[in-house]
Amino acid sequence: MFCAIYRSPKRDQTYLYVEKKDDFSRVPADLLQGFGKPQLAMMLHLDGTKRLANADQEKVKAALVEQGYYLQIPPPLESLLKGHREKDKKN
């Protein structure tokens, strides 16, 4: 399964995966409006040979089949802060 991955010009570290290049027909209009004009980052074959940095390939493939898109957002800042504070407590 191939997919196209787009980066958001409005939201840092936010990516939209779609089944076909430039086909946003199954992506909700509200999501696209908040995402901004998608900027093509890469085309990728989801065959398991390459690991995705911040997404599970099986979840991506399932979302593409079920809803036609997958939205990858960065981890919440709170969890990053929490991890940093816990690290400081141990030291």
C-alpha atoms as a PDB file:
ATOM      1  CA  MET A   1       0.000   0.000   0.000  1.00  0.00           C
ATOM      2  CA  PHE A   2       1.362   3.418  -1.009  1.00  0.00           C
ATOM      3  CA  CYS A   3       0.441   6.691   0.621  1.00  0.00           C
ATOM      4  CA  ALA A   4       1.262  10.355   0.281  1.00  0.00           C
ATOM      5  CA  ILE A   5       2.399  12.255   3.360  1.00  0.00           C
ATOM      6  CA  TYR A   6       1.817  15.995   3.662  1.00  0.00           C
ATOM      7  CA  ARG A   7       3.135  18.441   6.258  1.00  0.00           C
ATOM      8  CA  SER A   8       1.030  21.230   7.682  1.00  0.00           C
ATOM      9  CA  PRO A   9       2.201  24.804   7.125  1.00  0.00           C
ATOM     10  CA  LYS A  10       0.112  25.893  10.130  1.00  0.00           C
ATOM     11  CA  ARG A  11       0.984  23.264  12.725  1.00  0.00           C
ATOM     12  CA  ASP A  12       4.531  22.146  13.464  1.00  0.00           C
ATOM     13  CA  GLN A  13       5.160  18.372  13.350  1.00  0.00           C
ATOM     14  CA  THR A  14       1.665  17.676  12.008  1.00  0.00           C
ATOM     15  CA  TYR A  15       1.315  15.357   9.031  1.00  0.00           C
ATOM     16  CA  LEU A  16      -1.593  14.112   6.945  1.00  0.00           C
ATOM     17  CA  TYR A  17      -1.410  10.718   5.243  1.00  0.00           C
ATOM     18  CA  VAL A  18      -3.741  10.049   2.294  1.00  0.00           C
ATOM     19  CA  GLU A  19      -4.179   7.073  -0.013  1.00  0.00           C
ATOM     20  CA  LYS A  20      -3.407   8.898  -3.257  1.00  0.00           C
ATOM     21  CA  LYS A  21      -1.289  11.942  -4.033  1.00  0.00           C
ATOM     22  CA  ASP A  22      -3.356  15.161  -4.020  1.00  0.00           C
ATOM     23  CA  ASP A  23      -6.611  13.297  -3.266  1.00  0.00           C
ATOM     24  CA  PHE A  24      -8.176  14.909  -0.204  1.00  0.00           C
ATOM     25  CA  SER A  25     -11.737  13.893  -1.094  1.00  0.00           C
ATOM     26  CA  ARG A  26     -12.149  11.768   2.051  1.00  0.00           C
ATOM     27  CA  VAL A  27     -10.561  14.313   4.419  1.00  0.00           C
ATOM     28  CA  PRO A  28     -13.111  16.434   6.332  1.00  0.00           C
ATOM     29  CA  ALA A  29     -13.192  20.080   5.218  1.00  0.00           C
ATOM     30  CA  ASP A  30     -12.782  21.327   8.811  1.00  0.00           C
ATOM     31  CA  LEU A  31      -9.631  19.268   9.227  1.00  0.00           C
ATOM     32  CA  LEU A  32      -8.153  20.626   5.994  1.00  0.00           C
ATOM     33  CA  GLN A  33      -8.999  24.181   6.987  1.00  0.00           C
ATOM     34  CA  GLY A  34      -7.137  23.837  10.293  1.00  0.00           C
ATOM     35  CA  PHE A  35      -4.295  21.930   8.637  1.00  0.00           C
ATOM     36  CA  GLY A  36      -3.627  24.578   5.986  1.00  0.00           C
ATOM     37  CA  LYS A  37      -2.554  23.976   2.400  1.00  0.00           C
ATOM     38  CA  PRO A  38      -0.920  20.521   2.474  1.00  0.00           C
ATOM     39  CA  GLN A  39       2.741  20.464   1.465  1.00  0.00           C
ATOM     40  CA  LEU A  40       3.911  17.149   0.025  1.00  0.00           C
ATOM     41  CA  ALA A  41       6.615  15.681   2.260  1.00  0.00           C
ATOM     42  CA  MET A  42       7.020  12.257   0.638  1.00  0.00           C
ATOM     43  CA  MET A  43       5.437   9.236  -0.980  1.00  0.00           C
ATOM     44  CA  LEU A  44       5.846   6.051   1.031  1.00  0.00           C
ATOM     45  CA  HIS A  45       5.205   2.355   0.545  1.00  0.00           C
ATOM     46  CA  LEU A  46       3.694   0.976   3.751  1.00  0.00           C
ATOM     47  CA  ASP A  47       5.169  -2.496   3.438  1.00  0.00           C
ATOM     48  CA  GLY A  48       6.952  -2.589   6.787  1.00  0.00           C
ATOM     49  CA  THR A  49      10.482  -2.160   5.422  1.00  0.00           C
ATOM     50  CA  LYS A  50      10.743   1.447   6.617  1.00  0.00           C
ATOM     51  CA  ARG A  51       9.769   2.455  10.127  1.00  0.00           C
ATOM     52  CA  LEU A  52       7.655   5.572  10.591  1.00  0.00           C
ATOM     53  CA  ALA A  53       9.125   8.051  13.082  1.00  0.00           C
ATOM     54  CA  ASN A  54       5.998   8.876  15.098  1.00  0.00           C
ATOM     55  CA  ALA A  55       3.247   6.608  13.823  1.00  0.00           C
ATOM     56  CA  ASP A  56       2.397   2.928  13.863  1.00  0.00           C
ATOM     57  CA  GLN A  57       2.249   1.556  10.302  1.00  0.00           C
ATOM     58  CA  GLU A  58      -0.629  -0.792  11.076  1.00  0.00           C
ATOM     59  CA  LYS A  59      -2.710   2.054  12.537  1.00  0.00           C
ATOM     60  CA  VAL A  60      -1.897   4.224   9.526  1.00  0.00           C
ATOM     61  CA  LYS A  61      -2.921   1.494   7.081  1.00  0.00           C
ATOM     62  CA  ALA A  62      -6.138   0.773   8.987  1.00  0.00           C
ATOM     63  CA  ALA A  63      -7.071   4.471   9.076  1.00  0.00           C
ATOM     64  CA  LEU A  64      -6.360   4.865   5.362  1.00  0.00           C
ATOM     65  CA  VAL A  65      -8.666   1.956   4.530  1.00  0.00           C
ATOM     66  CA  GLU A  66     -11.422   2.910   6.984  1.00  0.00           C
ATOM     67  CA  GLN A  67     -11.525   6.690   6.688  1.00  0.00           C
ATOM     68  CA  GLY A  68      -9.206   7.580   3.811  1.00  0.00           C
ATOM     69  CA  TYR A  69      -6.679   9.546   5.845  1.00  0.00           C
ATOM     70  CA  TYR A  70      -4.486   9.458   8.948  1.00  0.00           C
ATOM     71  CA  LEU A  71      -3.581  12.569  10.937  1.00  0.00           C
ATOM     72  CA  GLN A  72      -0.260  12.495  12.792  1.00  0.00           C
ATOM     73  CA  ILE A  73       0.050  15.128  15.501  1.00  0.00           C
ATOM     74  CA  PRO A  74       3.003  15.772  17.815  1.00  0.00           C
ATOM     75  CA  PRO A  75       2.925  14.372  21.345  1.00  0.00           C
ATOM     76  CA  PRO A  76       1.368  16.715  23.892  1.00  0.00           C
ATOM     77  CA  LEU A  77       3.835  19.104  25.514  1.00  0.00           C
ATOM     78  CA  GLU A  78       2.564  18.150  28.948  1.00  0.00           C
ATOM     79  CA  SER A  79       3.831  14.588  28.599  1.00  0.00           C
ATOM     80  CA  LEU A  80       7.230  15.845  27.469  1.00  0.00           C
ATOM     81  CA  LEU A  81       7.409  18.180  30.457  1.00  0.00           C
ATOM     82  CA  LYS A  82       6.289  15.420  32.790  1.00  0.00           C
ATOM     83  CA  GLY A  83       9.015  13.101  31.510  1.00  0.00           C
ATOM     84  CA  HIS A  84      11.635  15.812  31.942  1.00  0.00           C
ATOM     85  CA  ARG A  85      10.493  16.547  35.510  1.00  0.00           C
ATOM     86  CA  GLU A  86      10.509  12.862  36.419  1.00  0.00           C
ATOM     87  CA  LYS A  87      14.037  12.583  35.048  1.00  0.00           C
ATOM     88  CA  ASP A  88      15.114  15.555  37.208  1.00  0.00           C
ATOM     89  CA  LYS A  89      13.594  13.939  40.338  1.00  0.00           C
ATOM     90  CA  LYS A  90      15.685  10.797  39.783  1.00  0.00           C
ATOM     91  CA  ASN A  91      18.925  12.791  39.589  1.00  0.00           C
END
